[in-house]
Each structure stands twice: as structure tokens, then as C-alpha cells.
Amino acid sequence: MIQYFNWLPQIETMNGVASIPNELALFTYSDMVKGDTSIIDKLRQPHKFDFFMMIFHFAGSVNLKIDMVEYDLSTPNNSIRIMPSQIVGLESVSADFDAHIVVMSRSFLDNLLVYINGNVSLRPGIRFDAIEPLQSVEVRGLDLFVNALRRVLQNDDNPYRMKVVQHVIMAIFYSSERLRDINDNDPARSSADSISRKFLEMVKENFRTQRQLQFYSDALCITPRYLSRVVKETTGSTAADWIERYVVLEARALLKSTDMTIQQISDYLNFPSQTFFGKYFKRRAGMSPKEYRRLG
């Protein structure tokens, strides 16, 4: 199976980590692996995190996969964003690789989005680039923000520490993101965005067992046709496309990274038969599960 990590409590106990318990943690990659290189081996296998990560890559090189898309970052100064439940695999990392890493719990991110009011592209399903090269002026700015965030986190006596942290993170988002073109005074757009966000969260939790639009539209108290139209308008893909995307992405990761038989993967994803699974996979991936596994 794909490993699923909720590492926030463990991260907080490591040396060099500044944090607010169960909410947010800040550390550097070199501190994380110091004295425990086994963590790199764990990260080489596809896995999912139960939190949001911002990674500011400032030294060395790294090759990684996010949702089975490979990124070869041979030069530093990149911003890497990983959403909860994305499939991530660390392919290779140079000896001199280093990065600042900010880890945020789902609840912290949800509360932050209330302040941001949807202006920054972090909501599930809204398209954004996982990797963003940083300009020199952005690198200097992020260094300042990271140092400021570390100082705030280390000041346990400040009763307003959480509020200050939220504002520092907001400043990081606004300085490094291309703001979404959304009119917050448009109730129809706000409602559509809310429906899409709820739908995509439901898909993440249920795609292995529920692939019919009726299930999701019933839960949202709308018609399947309206659901598909709203999701298409706000994300660029239909509701059915999103369900298929999650199913096939999980199947691809299992075929590449586990010893599970195709029948076992079919059963795990709740297909009625291996034949049905094979046709479903080939329609989306362009080849059979057996061919996909054989190609490596």
C-alpha cells in the first residue's frame, strides 16, 4: 500500500524544530536527516502526508515525484508545495541538498484560508504549480520571512504567538503566489468554489469505494448535472474527471511501488473484476495495468 504519514507530532520532537504543537512546524532538511539517514529511505517510497508543506529549496539538487509527475530540480531556489493526500516520492537527493520546510496541519490551513478569503491558490483542486522557481529578490524575502517565523515560534511566552504566525504565513503566501482572480463579492462564485472544495475533499476520502456522481451530489444536496457544471467552471475539469484522476493515480502508484498483484489492486480499489479494472485503467492511462507495470 501507499504509506500515509501523519508526522507532525514526531517532527516536533526533533532537534532544531520550532513549532506550535499539532499546528505548525519549521525546520531545515539538514536538521531532519542529521543522525537519522533512514528517513531518506522511507521517503523514497510513494507516500502521502496528512498535512500541507511549503519547501524552500536553497541548496543542492533533488529529483522527486508529485502525483507521479517527475520534477528534476538540478539547481536551487525553488518553492515546492505539497497538498495533503498528494502522492510524493523522493527519487534522489544530492549530498549538499538543503531546504527550509514549513509543515502545517489541515486545521491550521483551514483557519488560515478564512483569513486569506480564497485569494491564494491553495484550495484542493484549484490548479497551481507544485514547483515554482524563485527570483533572487523572492529568495531574499523568503529568508527574512523564515527567520521571522522561527523567532516567533521560539517565543513561547507570547500569548499572541498563533496570530503572529498566521500573519507571517499569510505574508509568505502573498509574496510568493500569483493571486487568484476571484471577486469575493460575487456570491455565486463563492458558492461554486465552496461546492467544488467540498466535493474534492469527499472524493479524496471516498474514491476507492464511490465512483458515481449521484453519491456526491446527494451528499451535497444538488443534482449530478449541476455538480459537474460547477466543478468544471471552478477547476477546469468535470466531476467525473476528478474521480477518475484519483482512482488512476492511486492505481499507477500501486503498480509502480508495490508487489501487489493486479487482482489485489483491483480488489483494493473495489472494482467488480480485474477485467473491469483493466479496461477502466487503459481508458485513462492509454495502456493496460500489466503494460504500465512492465514499462517500469
C-alpha atoms as a PDB file:
ATOM      1  CA  MET A   1       0.000   0.000   0.000  1.00  0.00           C
ATOM      2  CA  ILE A   2       0.991   3.641  -0.314  1.00  0.00           C
ATOM      3  CA  GLN A   3       2.331   4.801   3.025  1.00  0.00           C
ATOM      4  CA  TYR A   4       0.340   7.502   4.804  1.00  0.00           C
ATOM      5  CA  PHE A   5       2.249   9.662   7.249  1.00  0.00           C
ATOM      6  CA  ASN A   6       0.948  11.956   9.944  1.00  0.00           C
ATOM      7  CA  TRP A   7       4.355  13.007  11.140  1.00  0.00           C
ATOM      8  CA  LEU A   8       3.635  16.341  12.776  1.00  0.00           C
ATOM      9  CA  PRO A   9       3.913  15.045  16.395  1.00  0.00           C
ATOM     10  CA  GLN A  10       7.144  13.187  15.579  1.00  0.00           C
ATOM     11  CA  ILE A  11       8.637  16.174  13.779  1.00  0.00           C
ATOM     12  CA  GLU A  12       8.009  18.394  16.783  1.00  0.00           C
ATOM     13  CA  THR A  13      10.283  16.240  18.962  1.00  0.00           C
ATOM     14  CA  MET A  14      13.322  16.542  16.680  1.00  0.00           C
ATOM     15  CA  ASN A  15      16.263  18.844  17.333  1.00  0.00           C
ATOM     16  CA  GLY A  16      16.177  22.189  15.569  1.00  0.00           C
ATOM     17  CA  VAL A  17      12.399  22.179  15.081  1.00  0.00           C
ATOM     18  CA  ALA A  18      10.401  25.258  16.054  1.00  0.00           C
ATOM     19  CA  SER A  19       6.685  24.583  16.363  1.00  0.00           C
ATOM     20  CA  ILE A  20       3.243  25.174  17.758  1.00  0.00           C
ATOM     21  CA  PRO A  21       2.102  21.677  18.845  1.00  0.00           C
ATOM     22  CA  ASN A  22      -0.175  19.922  16.345  1.00  0.00           C
ATOM     23  CA  GLU A  23      -0.476  23.082  14.252  1.00  0.00           C
ATOM     24  CA  LEU A  24       2.763  24.100  12.546  1.00  0.00           C
ATOM     25  CA  ALA A  25       6.460  23.189  12.473  1.00  0.00           C
ATOM     26  CA  LEU A  26       9.515  24.790  10.875  1.00  0.00           C
ATOM     27  CA  PHE A  27      12.877  23.106  10.305  1.00  0.00           C
ATOM     28  CA  THR A  28      15.613  22.600   7.728  1.00  0.00           C
ATOM     29  CA  TYR A  29      16.118  19.385   5.780  1.00  0.00           C
ATOM     30  CA  SER A  30      19.705  19.001   7.016  1.00  0.00           C
ATOM     31  CA  ASP A  31      18.478  19.096  10.631  1.00  0.00           C
ATOM     32  CA  MET A  32      15.814  16.486   9.880  1.00  0.00           C
ATOM     33  CA  VAL A  33      18.213  13.887   8.454  1.00  0.00           C
ATOM     34  CA  LYS A  34      21.128  14.633  10.800  1.00  0.00           C
ATOM     35  CA  GLY A  35      21.879  11.417  12.670  1.00  0.00           C
ATOM     36  CA  ASP A  36      18.978   9.559  11.039  1.00  0.00           C
ATOM     37  CA  THR A  37      19.602   8.840   7.350  1.00  0.00           C
ATOM     38  CA  SER A  38      16.941   6.101   7.446  1.00  0.00           C
ATOM     39  CA  ILE A  39      14.322   8.783   6.945  1.00  0.00           C
ATOM     40  CA  ILE A  40      15.600   9.295   3.379  1.00  0.00           C
ATOM     41  CA  ASP A  41      14.982   5.618   2.601  1.00  0.00           C
ATOM     42  CA  LYS A  42      11.432   5.933   3.910  1.00  0.00           C
ATOM     43  CA  LEU A  43      10.794   8.951   1.715  1.00  0.00           C
ATOM     44  CA  ARG A  44      11.918   7.126  -1.435  1.00  0.00           C
ATOM     45  CA  GLN A  45       8.696   5.078  -1.435  1.00  0.00           C
ATOM     46  CA  PRO A  46       5.465   6.769  -2.575  1.00  0.00           C
ATOM     47  CA  HIS A  47       3.617   8.155   0.415  1.00  0.00           C
ATOM     48  CA  LYS A  48       1.020  10.685   1.448  1.00  0.00           C
ATOM     49  CA  PHE A  49       1.219  13.281   4.166  1.00  0.00           C
ATOM     50  CA  ASP A  50      -1.716  14.368   6.286  1.00  0.00           C
ATOM     51  CA  PHE A  51      -0.534  17.971   6.257  1.00  0.00           C
ATOM     52  CA  PHE A  52       0.437  20.792   3.904  1.00  0.00           C
ATOM     53  CA  MET A  53       4.113  21.500   3.221  1.00  0.00           C
ATOM     54  CA  MET A  54       5.938  24.518   1.855  1.00  0.00           C
ATOM     55  CA  ILE A  55       9.526  23.683   0.926  1.00  0.00           C
ATOM     56  CA  PHE A  56      12.028  26.421   0.070  1.00  0.00           C
ATOM     57  CA  HIS A  57      14.876  24.633  -1.714  1.00  0.00           C
ATOM     58  CA  PHE A  58      18.024  26.741  -1.334  1.00  0.00           C
ATOM     59  CA  ALA A  59      20.960  24.348  -1.871  1.00  0.00           C
ATOM     60  CA  GLY A  60      21.942  21.261  -3.884  1.00  0.00           C
ATOM     61  CA  SER A  61      19.657  19.273  -6.179  1.00  0.00           C
ATOM     62  CA  VAL A  62      16.710  16.904  -5.799  1.00  0.00           C
ATOM     63  CA  ASN A  63      14.596  14.676  -8.007  1.00  0.00           C
ATOM     64  CA  LEU A  64      11.099  13.890  -6.777  1.00  0.00           C
ATOM     65  CA  LYS A  65       7.671  12.827  -7.971  1.00  0.00           C
ATOM     66  CA  ILE A  66       4.433  14.549  -7.002  1.00  0.00           C
ATOM     67  CA  ASP A  67       1.282  12.689  -8.094  1.00  0.00           C
ATOM     68  CA  MET A  68       3.503  10.566 -10.356  1.00  0.00           C
ATOM     69  CA  VAL A  69       4.864  13.620 -12.207  1.00  0.00           C
ATOM     70  CA  GLU A  70       8.674  13.766 -12.052  1.00  0.00           C
ATOM     71  CA  TYR A  71      10.485  17.008 -11.191  1.00  0.00           C
ATOM     72  CA  ASP A  72      14.257  17.259 -11.593  1.00  0.00           C
ATOM     73  CA  LEU A  73      15.441  20.304  -9.652  1.00  0.00           C
ATOM     74  CA  SER A  74      19.108  20.426 -10.604  1.00  0.00           C
ATOM     75  CA  THR A  75      19.555  23.996  -9.365  1.00  0.00           C
ATOM     76  CA  PRO A  76      18.380  25.545  -6.087  1.00  0.00           C
ATOM     77  CA  ASN A  77      15.996  28.419  -5.352  1.00  0.00           C
ATOM     78  CA  ASN A  78      12.649  26.698  -5.830  1.00  0.00           C
ATOM     79  CA  SER A  79       9.389  26.766  -3.930  1.00  0.00           C
ATOM     80  CA  ILE A  80       7.747  23.330  -3.587  1.00  0.00           C
ATOM     81  CA  ARG A  81       4.171  22.994  -2.330  1.00  0.00           C
ATOM     82  CA  ILE A  82       2.636  19.674  -1.353  1.00  0.00           C
ATOM     83  CA  MET A  83      -1.049  19.416  -0.502  1.00  0.00           C
ATOM     84  CA  PRO A  84      -2.464  16.861   1.960  1.00  0.00           C
ATOM     85  CA  SER A  85      -3.019  13.450   0.324  1.00  0.00           C
ATOM     86  CA  GLN A  86      -0.846  14.127  -2.728  1.00  0.00           C
ATOM     87  CA  ILE A  87       1.349  11.128  -3.602  1.00  0.00           C
ATOM     88  CA  VAL A  88       5.010  12.035  -3.133  1.00  0.00           C
ATOM     89  CA  GLY A  89       8.192  10.076  -3.751  1.00  0.00           C
ATOM     90  CA  LEU A  90      11.799  11.197  -3.265  1.00  0.00           C
ATOM     91  CA  GLU A  91      13.742   9.767  -6.199  1.00  0.00           C
ATOM     92  CA  SER A  92      17.215  11.130  -5.399  1.00  0.00           C
ATOM     93  CA  VAL A  93      18.832  13.923  -3.418  1.00  0.00           C
ATOM     94  CA  SER A  94      22.351  15.351  -3.576  1.00  0.00           C
ATOM     95  CA  ALA A  95      24.631  15.322  -0.538  1.00  0.00           C
ATOM     96  CA  ASP A  96      24.525  19.117  -0.356  1.00  0.00           C
ATOM     97  CA  PHE A  97      20.746  19.432  -0.727  1.00  0.00           C
ATOM     98  CA  ASP A  98      19.046  21.647   1.832  1.00  0.00           C
ATOM     99  CA  ALA A  99      15.736  23.410   2.248  1.00  0.00           C
ATOM    100  CA  HIS A 100      13.590  25.240   4.756  1.00  0.00           C
ATOM    101  CA  ILE A 101      10.414  23.246   5.375  1.00  0.00           C
ATOM    102  CA  VAL A 102       7.175  24.569   6.853  1.00  0.00           C
ATOM    103  CA  VAL A 103       4.613  21.934   7.845  1.00  0.00           C
ATOM    104  CA  MET A 104       1.016  22.968   8.538  1.00  0.00           C
ATOM    105  CA  SER A 105      -1.811  20.811   9.854  1.00  0.00           C
ATOM    106  CA  ARG A 106      -5.124  20.643   7.993  1.00  0.00           C
ATOM    107  CA  SER A 107      -6.816  22.642  10.754  1.00  0.00           C
ATOM    108  CA  PHE A 108      -4.145  25.359  10.625  1.00  0.00           C
ATOM    109  CA  LEU A 109      -4.521  25.619   6.840  1.00  0.00           C
ATOM    110  CA  ASP A 110      -8.328  25.697   7.051  1.00  0.00           C
ATOM    111  CA  ASN A 111      -8.200  28.517   9.612  1.00  0.00           C
ATOM    112  CA  LEU A 112      -5.656  30.380   7.503  1.00  0.00           C
ATOM    113  CA  LEU A 113      -7.901  30.209   4.446  1.00  0.00           C
ATOM    114  CA  VAL A 114     -10.560  32.050   6.420  1.00  0.00           C
ATOM    115  CA  TYR A 115      -8.153  34.988   6.752  1.00  0.00           C
ATOM    116  CA  ILE A 116      -6.967  34.768   3.144  1.00  0.00           C
ATOM    117  CA  ASN A 117     -10.582  34.676   1.878  1.00  0.00           C
ATOM    118  CA  GLY A 118      -9.734  32.438  -1.060  1.00  0.00           C
ATOM    119  CA  ASN A 119      -7.310  34.840  -2.723  1.00  0.00           C
ATOM    120  CA  VAL A 120      -4.371  32.413  -2.806  1.00  0.00           C
ATOM    121  CA  SER A 121      -4.434  29.182  -4.819  1.00  0.00           C
ATOM    122  CA  LEU A 122      -4.201  26.604  -2.050  1.00  0.00           C
ATOM    123  CA  ARG A 123      -7.666  25.090  -2.009  1.00  0.00           C
ATOM    124  CA  PRO A 124      -7.866  21.433  -3.072  1.00  0.00           C
ATOM    125  CA  GLY A 125      -8.472  21.010  -6.779  1.00  0.00           C
ATOM    126  CA  ILE A 126      -7.687  24.597  -7.729  1.00  0.00           C
ATOM    127  CA  ARG A 127      -4.822  24.413 -10.195  1.00  0.00           C
ATOM    128  CA  PHE A 128      -1.432  25.713  -9.120  1.00  0.00           C
ATOM    129  CA  ASP A 129       2.156  24.824  -9.892  1.00  0.00           C
ATOM    130  CA  ALA A 130       3.683  22.420  -7.369  1.00  0.00           C
ATOM    131  CA  ILE A 131       7.137  23.775  -8.259  1.00  0.00           C
ATOM    132  CA  GLU A 132       7.832  27.472  -8.675  1.00  0.00           C
ATOM    133  CA  PRO A 133      11.332  28.817  -9.461  1.00  0.00           C
ATOM    134  CA  LEU A 134      12.177  31.763  -7.240  1.00  0.00           C
ATOM    135  CA  GLN A 135      13.750  35.021  -8.313  1.00  0.00           C
ATOM    136  CA  SER A 136      16.692  36.348  -6.296  1.00  0.00           C
ATOM    137  CA  VAL A 137      14.533  39.046  -4.701  1.00  0.00           C
ATOM    138  CA  GLU A 138      11.998  36.382  -3.663  1.00  0.00           C
ATOM    139  CA  VAL A 139      14.754  34.222  -2.149  1.00  0.00           C
ATOM    140  CA  ARG A 140      15.956  37.132  -0.009  1.00  0.00           C
ATOM    141  CA  GLY A 141      12.397  37.883   1.055  1.00  0.00           C
ATOM    142  CA  LEU A 142      11.666  34.263   1.988  1.00  0.00           C
ATOM    143  CA  ASP A 143      14.847  34.095   4.044  1.00  0.00           C
ATOM    144  CA  LEU A 144      13.609  37.077   6.022  1.00  0.00           C
ATOM    145  CA  PHE A 145      10.151  35.532   6.465  1.00  0.00           C
ATOM    146  CA  VAL A 146      11.551  32.155   7.550  1.00  0.00           C
ATOM    147  CA  ASN A 147      13.861  33.773  10.116  1.00  0.00           C
ATOM    148  CA  ALA A 148      10.984  35.894  11.403  1.00  0.00           C
ATOM    149  CA  LEU A 149       8.743  32.819  11.639  1.00  0.00           C
ATOM    150  CA  ARG A 150      11.398  30.907  13.551  1.00  0.00           C
ATOM    151  CA  ARG A 151      11.802  33.722  16.072  1.00  0.00           C
ATOM    152  CA  VAL A 152       8.055  33.930  16.617  1.00  0.00           C
ATOM    153  CA  LEU A 153       7.722  30.171  17.085  1.00  0.00           C
ATOM    154  CA  GLN A 154      10.536  30.126  19.618  1.00  0.00           C
ATOM    155  CA  ASN A 155       8.857  32.830  21.717  1.00  0.00           C
ATOM    156  CA  ASP A 156       6.634  30.571  23.829  1.00  0.00           C
ATOM    157  CA  ASP A 157       5.720  33.396  26.210  1.00  0.00           C
ATOM    158  CA  ASN A 158       3.909  35.471  23.582  1.00  0.00           C
ATOM    159  CA  PRO A 159       0.134  35.000  24.152  1.00  0.00           C
ATOM    160  CA  TYR A 160      -0.481  36.159  20.558  1.00  0.00           C
ATOM    161  CA  ARG A 161       2.010  33.753  19.022  1.00  0.00           C
ATOM    162  CA  MET A 162      -0.576  31.930  16.898  1.00  0.00           C
ATOM    163  CA  LYS A 163      -1.956  35.174  15.475  1.00  0.00           C
ATOM    164  CA  VAL A 164       1.527  36.441  14.637  1.00  0.00           C
ATOM    165  CA  VAL A 165       2.406  33.116  12.973  1.00  0.00           C
ATOM    166  CA  GLN A 166      -0.767  33.277  10.866  1.00  0.00           C
ATOM    167  CA  HIS A 167       0.124  36.743   9.637  1.00  0.00           C
ATOM    168  CA  VAL A 168       3.717  35.767   8.826  1.00  0.00           C
ATOM    169  CA  ILE A 169       2.487  32.757   6.821  1.00  0.00           C
ATOM    170  CA  MET A 170      -0.026  34.987   5.052  1.00  0.00           C
ATOM    171  CA  ALA A 171       2.811  37.337   4.140  1.00  0.00           C
ATOM    172  CA  ILE A 172       4.767  34.400   2.684  1.00  0.00           C
ATOM    173  CA  PHE A 173       1.771  33.339   0.590  1.00  0.00           C
ATOM    174  CA  TYR A 174       1.080  36.821  -0.702  1.00  0.00           C
ATOM    175  CA  SER A 175       4.739  37.422  -1.554  1.00  0.00           C
ATOM    176  CA  SER A 176       5.228  34.171  -3.491  1.00  0.00           C
ATOM    177  CA  GLU A 177       1.846  33.292  -5.002  1.00  0.00           C
ATOM    178  CA  ARG A 178       0.111  34.544  -8.127  1.00  0.00           C
ATOM    179  CA  LEU A 179      -3.174  35.678  -6.627  1.00  0.00           C
ATOM    180  CA  ARG A 180      -6.288  34.065  -7.976  1.00  0.00           C
ATOM    181  CA  ASP A 181      -8.600  36.277  -9.978  1.00  0.00           C
ATOM    182  CA  ILE A 182     -11.641  35.901  -7.766  1.00  0.00           C
ATOM    183  CA  ASN A 183     -14.150  38.564  -6.822  1.00  0.00           C
ATOM    184  CA  ASP A 184     -15.024  37.797  -3.206  1.00  0.00           C
ATOM    185  CA  ASN A 185     -18.113  39.979  -3.505  1.00  0.00           C
ATOM    186  CA  ASP A 186     -19.592  37.591  -6.085  1.00  0.00           C
ATOM    187  CA  PRO A 187     -21.863  35.239  -4.049  1.00  0.00           C
ATOM    188  CA  ALA A 188     -22.388  32.867  -6.984  1.00  0.00           C
ATOM    189  CA  ARG A 189     -18.639  32.381  -7.477  1.00  0.00           C
ATOM    190  CA  SER A 190     -18.056  31.959  -3.739  1.00  0.00           C
ATOM    191  CA  SER A 191     -20.828  29.339  -3.577  1.00  0.00           C
ATOM    192  CA  ALA A 192     -19.447  27.461  -6.582  1.00  0.00           C
ATOM    193  CA  ASP A 193     -15.940  27.458  -5.115  1.00  0.00           C
ATOM    194  CA  SER A 194     -17.305  26.112  -1.823  1.00  0.00           C
ATOM    195  CA  ILE A 195     -19.169  23.293  -3.591  1.00  0.00           C
ATOM    196  CA  SER A 196     -16.060  22.299  -5.555  1.00  0.00           C
ATOM    197  CA  ARG A 197     -13.891  22.315  -2.448  1.00  0.00           C
ATOM    198  CA  LYS A 198     -16.345  20.109  -0.524  1.00  0.00           C
ATOM    199  CA  PHE A 199     -16.699  17.759  -3.486  1.00  0.00           C
ATOM    200  CA  LEU A 200     -12.947  17.289  -3.872  1.00  0.00           C
ATOM    201  CA  GLU A 201     -12.489  16.655  -0.169  1.00  0.00           C
ATOM    202  CA  MET A 202     -15.200  13.982  -0.389  1.00  0.00           C
ATOM    203  CA  VAL A 203     -13.547  12.408  -3.427  1.00  0.00           C
ATOM    204  CA  LYS A 204     -10.226  12.159  -1.598  1.00  0.00           C
ATOM    205  CA  GLU A 205     -11.924  10.223   1.189  1.00  0.00           C
ATOM    206  CA  ASN A 206     -14.248   8.036  -0.904  1.00  0.00           C
ATOM    207  CA  PHE A 207     -12.819   7.460  -4.403  1.00  0.00           C
ATOM    208  CA  ARG A 208     -11.851   3.858  -3.631  1.00  0.00           C
ATOM    209  CA  THR A 209     -15.463   2.884  -2.982  1.00  0.00           C
ATOM    210  CA  GLN A 210     -17.641   5.604  -4.544  1.00  0.00           C
ATOM    211  CA  ARG A 211     -17.262   6.495  -8.222  1.00  0.00           C
ATOM    212  CA  GLN A 212     -20.819   7.568  -9.072  1.00  0.00           C
ATOM    213  CA  LEU A 213     -21.669  11.288  -9.229  1.00  0.00           C
ATOM    214  CA  GLN A 214     -25.010  10.549  -7.589  1.00  0.00           C
ATOM    215  CA  PHE A 215     -23.290   9.681  -4.305  1.00  0.00           C
ATOM    216  CA  TYR A 216     -21.514  13.044  -4.152  1.00  0.00           C
ATOM    217  CA  SER A 217     -24.405  15.145  -5.438  1.00  0.00           C
ATOM    218  CA  ASP A 218     -26.774  13.564  -2.913  1.00  0.00           C
ATOM    219  CA  ALA A 219     -24.346  14.382  -0.104  1.00  0.00           C
ATOM    220  CA  LEU A 220     -24.154  17.979  -1.323  1.00  0.00           C
ATOM    221  CA  CYS A 221     -27.944  18.198  -1.911  1.00  0.00           C
ATOM    222  CA  ILE A 222     -27.596  19.170  -5.582  1.00  0.00           C
ATOM    223  CA  THR A 223     -28.104  17.388  -8.906  1.00  0.00           C
ATOM    224  CA  PRO A 224     -25.270  15.486 -10.617  1.00  0.00           C
ATOM    225  CA  ARG A 225     -25.563  17.779 -13.636  1.00  0.00           C
ATOM    226  CA  TYR A 226     -25.204  20.923 -11.533  1.00  0.00           C
ATOM    227  CA  LEU A 227     -22.296  19.423  -9.596  1.00  0.00           C
ATOM    228  CA  SER A 228     -20.391  18.591 -12.771  1.00  0.00           C
ATOM    229  CA  ARG A 229     -21.010  22.053 -14.240  1.00  0.00           C
ATOM    230  CA  VAL A 230     -19.848  23.867 -11.094  1.00  0.00           C
ATOM    231  CA  VAL A 231     -16.726  21.734 -10.723  1.00  0.00           C
ATOM    232  CA  LYS A 232     -15.874  22.224 -14.390  1.00  0.00           C
ATOM    233  CA  GLU A 233     -16.243  26.015 -14.107  1.00  0.00           C
ATOM    234  CA  THR A 234     -14.080  26.324 -10.987  1.00  0.00           C
ATOM    235  CA  THR A 235     -11.360  23.724 -11.622  1.00  0.00           C
ATOM    236  CA  GLY A 236     -11.248  23.208 -15.379  1.00  0.00           C
ATOM    237  CA  SER A 237     -12.179  19.502 -15.145  1.00  0.00           C
ATOM    238  CA  THR A 238     -15.522  17.768 -14.704  1.00  0.00           C
ATOM    239  CA  ALA A 239     -16.513  15.995 -11.504  1.00  0.00           C
ATOM    240  CA  ALA A 240     -16.246  12.608 -13.258  1.00  0.00           C
ATOM    241  CA  ASP A 241     -12.727  13.506 -14.451  1.00  0.00           C
ATOM    242  CA  TRP A 242     -11.637  14.261 -10.897  1.00  0.00           C
ATOM    243  CA  ILE A 243     -12.939  10.920  -9.611  1.00  0.00           C
ATOM    244  CA  GLU A 244     -11.152   9.034 -12.401  1.00  0.00           C
ATOM    245  CA  ARG A 245      -7.985  11.036 -11.777  1.00  0.00           C
ATOM    246  CA  TYR A 246      -7.792   9.988  -8.129  1.00  0.00           C
ATOM    247  CA  VAL A 247      -8.544   6.334  -8.929  1.00  0.00           C
ATOM    248  CA  VAL A 248      -5.979   6.029 -11.727  1.00  0.00           C
ATOM    249  CA  LEU A 249      -3.330   7.979  -9.826  1.00  0.00           C
ATOM    250  CA  GLU A 250      -3.652   5.573  -6.896  1.00  0.00           C
ATOM    251  CA  ALA A 251      -3.557   2.601  -9.261  1.00  0.00           C
ATOM    252  CA  ARG A 252      -0.419   3.900 -11.010  1.00  0.00           C
ATOM    253  CA  ALA A 253       1.366   4.381  -7.695  1.00  0.00           C
ATOM    254  CA  LEU A 254       0.408   0.891  -6.508  1.00  0.00           C
ATOM    255  CA  LEU A 255       1.539  -0.693  -9.793  1.00  0.00           C
ATOM    256  CA  LYS A 256       4.909   1.078  -9.651  1.00  0.00           C
ATOM    257  CA  SER A 257       5.737   0.859  -5.971  1.00  0.00           C
ATOM    258  CA  THR A 258       4.212  -2.323  -4.511  1.00  0.00           C
ATOM    259  CA  ASP A 259       4.307  -6.080  -5.059  1.00  0.00           C
ATOM    260  CA  MET A 260       0.511  -6.256  -5.089  1.00  0.00           C
ATOM    261  CA  THR A 261      -0.901  -8.302  -7.958  1.00  0.00           C
ATOM    262  CA  ILE A 262      -3.205  -6.600 -10.439  1.00  0.00           C
ATOM    263  CA  GLN A 263      -6.069  -8.599  -8.936  1.00  0.00           C
ATOM    264  CA  GLN A 264      -5.172  -7.333  -5.446  1.00  0.00           C
ATOM    265  CA  ILE A 265      -5.040  -3.738  -6.692  1.00  0.00           C
ATOM    266  CA  SER A 266      -8.401  -4.242  -8.394  1.00  0.00           C
ATOM    267  CA  ASP A 267      -9.870  -5.542  -5.133  1.00  0.00           C
ATOM    268  CA  TYR A 268      -8.268  -2.738  -3.097  1.00  0.00           C
ATOM    269  CA  LEU A 269      -9.869  -0.151  -5.374  1.00  0.00           C
ATOM    270  CA  ASN A 270     -13.197  -2.005  -5.208  1.00  0.00           C
ATOM    271  CA  PHE A 271     -13.599  -2.909  -8.867  1.00  0.00           C
ATOM    272  CA  PRO A 272     -16.044  -5.751  -9.602  1.00  0.00           C
ATOM    273  CA  SER A 273     -13.358  -7.681 -11.507  1.00  0.00           C
ATOM    274  CA  GLN A 274      -9.777  -7.465 -12.720  1.00  0.00           C
ATOM    275  CA  THR A 275     -11.093  -7.233 -16.284  1.00  0.00           C
ATOM    276  CA  PHE A 276     -13.258  -4.224 -15.441  1.00  0.00           C
ATOM    277  CA  PHE A 277     -10.313  -2.584 -13.666  1.00  0.00           C
ATOM    278  CA  GLY A 278      -8.072  -3.219 -16.689  1.00  0.00           C
ATOM    279  CA  LYS A 279     -10.497  -1.550 -19.097  1.00  0.00           C
ATOM    280  CA  TYR A 280     -11.006   1.398 -16.719  1.00  0.00           C
ATOM    281  CA  PHE A 281      -7.262   1.899 -16.312  1.00  0.00           C
ATOM    282  CA  LYS A 282      -6.492   1.561 -20.042  1.00  0.00           C
ATOM    283  CA  ARG A 283      -9.154   4.117 -20.976  1.00  0.00           C
ATOM    284  CA  ARG A 284      -7.468   6.712 -18.770  1.00  0.00           C
ATOM    285  CA  ALA A 285      -3.773   5.710 -18.941  1.00  0.00           C
ATOM    286  CA  GLY A 286      -3.658   4.545 -22.563  1.00  0.00           C
ATOM    287  CA  MET A 287      -2.291   1.096 -21.700  1.00  0.00           C
ATOM    288  CA  SER A 288      -3.206  -1.905 -19.596  1.00  0.00           C
ATOM    289  CA  PRO A 289      -2.082  -2.214 -15.943  1.00  0.00           C
ATOM    290  CA  LYS A 290       0.256  -5.049 -16.987  1.00  0.00           C
ATOM    291  CA  GLU A 291       1.876  -2.933 -19.706  1.00  0.00           C
ATOM    292  CA  TYR A 292       2.210   0.037 -17.356  1.00  0.00           C
ATOM    293  CA  ARG A 293       3.965  -2.091 -14.721  1.00  0.00           C
ATOM    294  CA  ARG A 294       6.238  -3.743 -17.306  1.00  0.00           C
ATOM    295  CA  LEU A 295       7.441  -0.392 -18.655  1.00  0.00           C
ATOM    296  CA  GLY A 296       8.719   0.496 -15.190  1.00  0.00           C
END
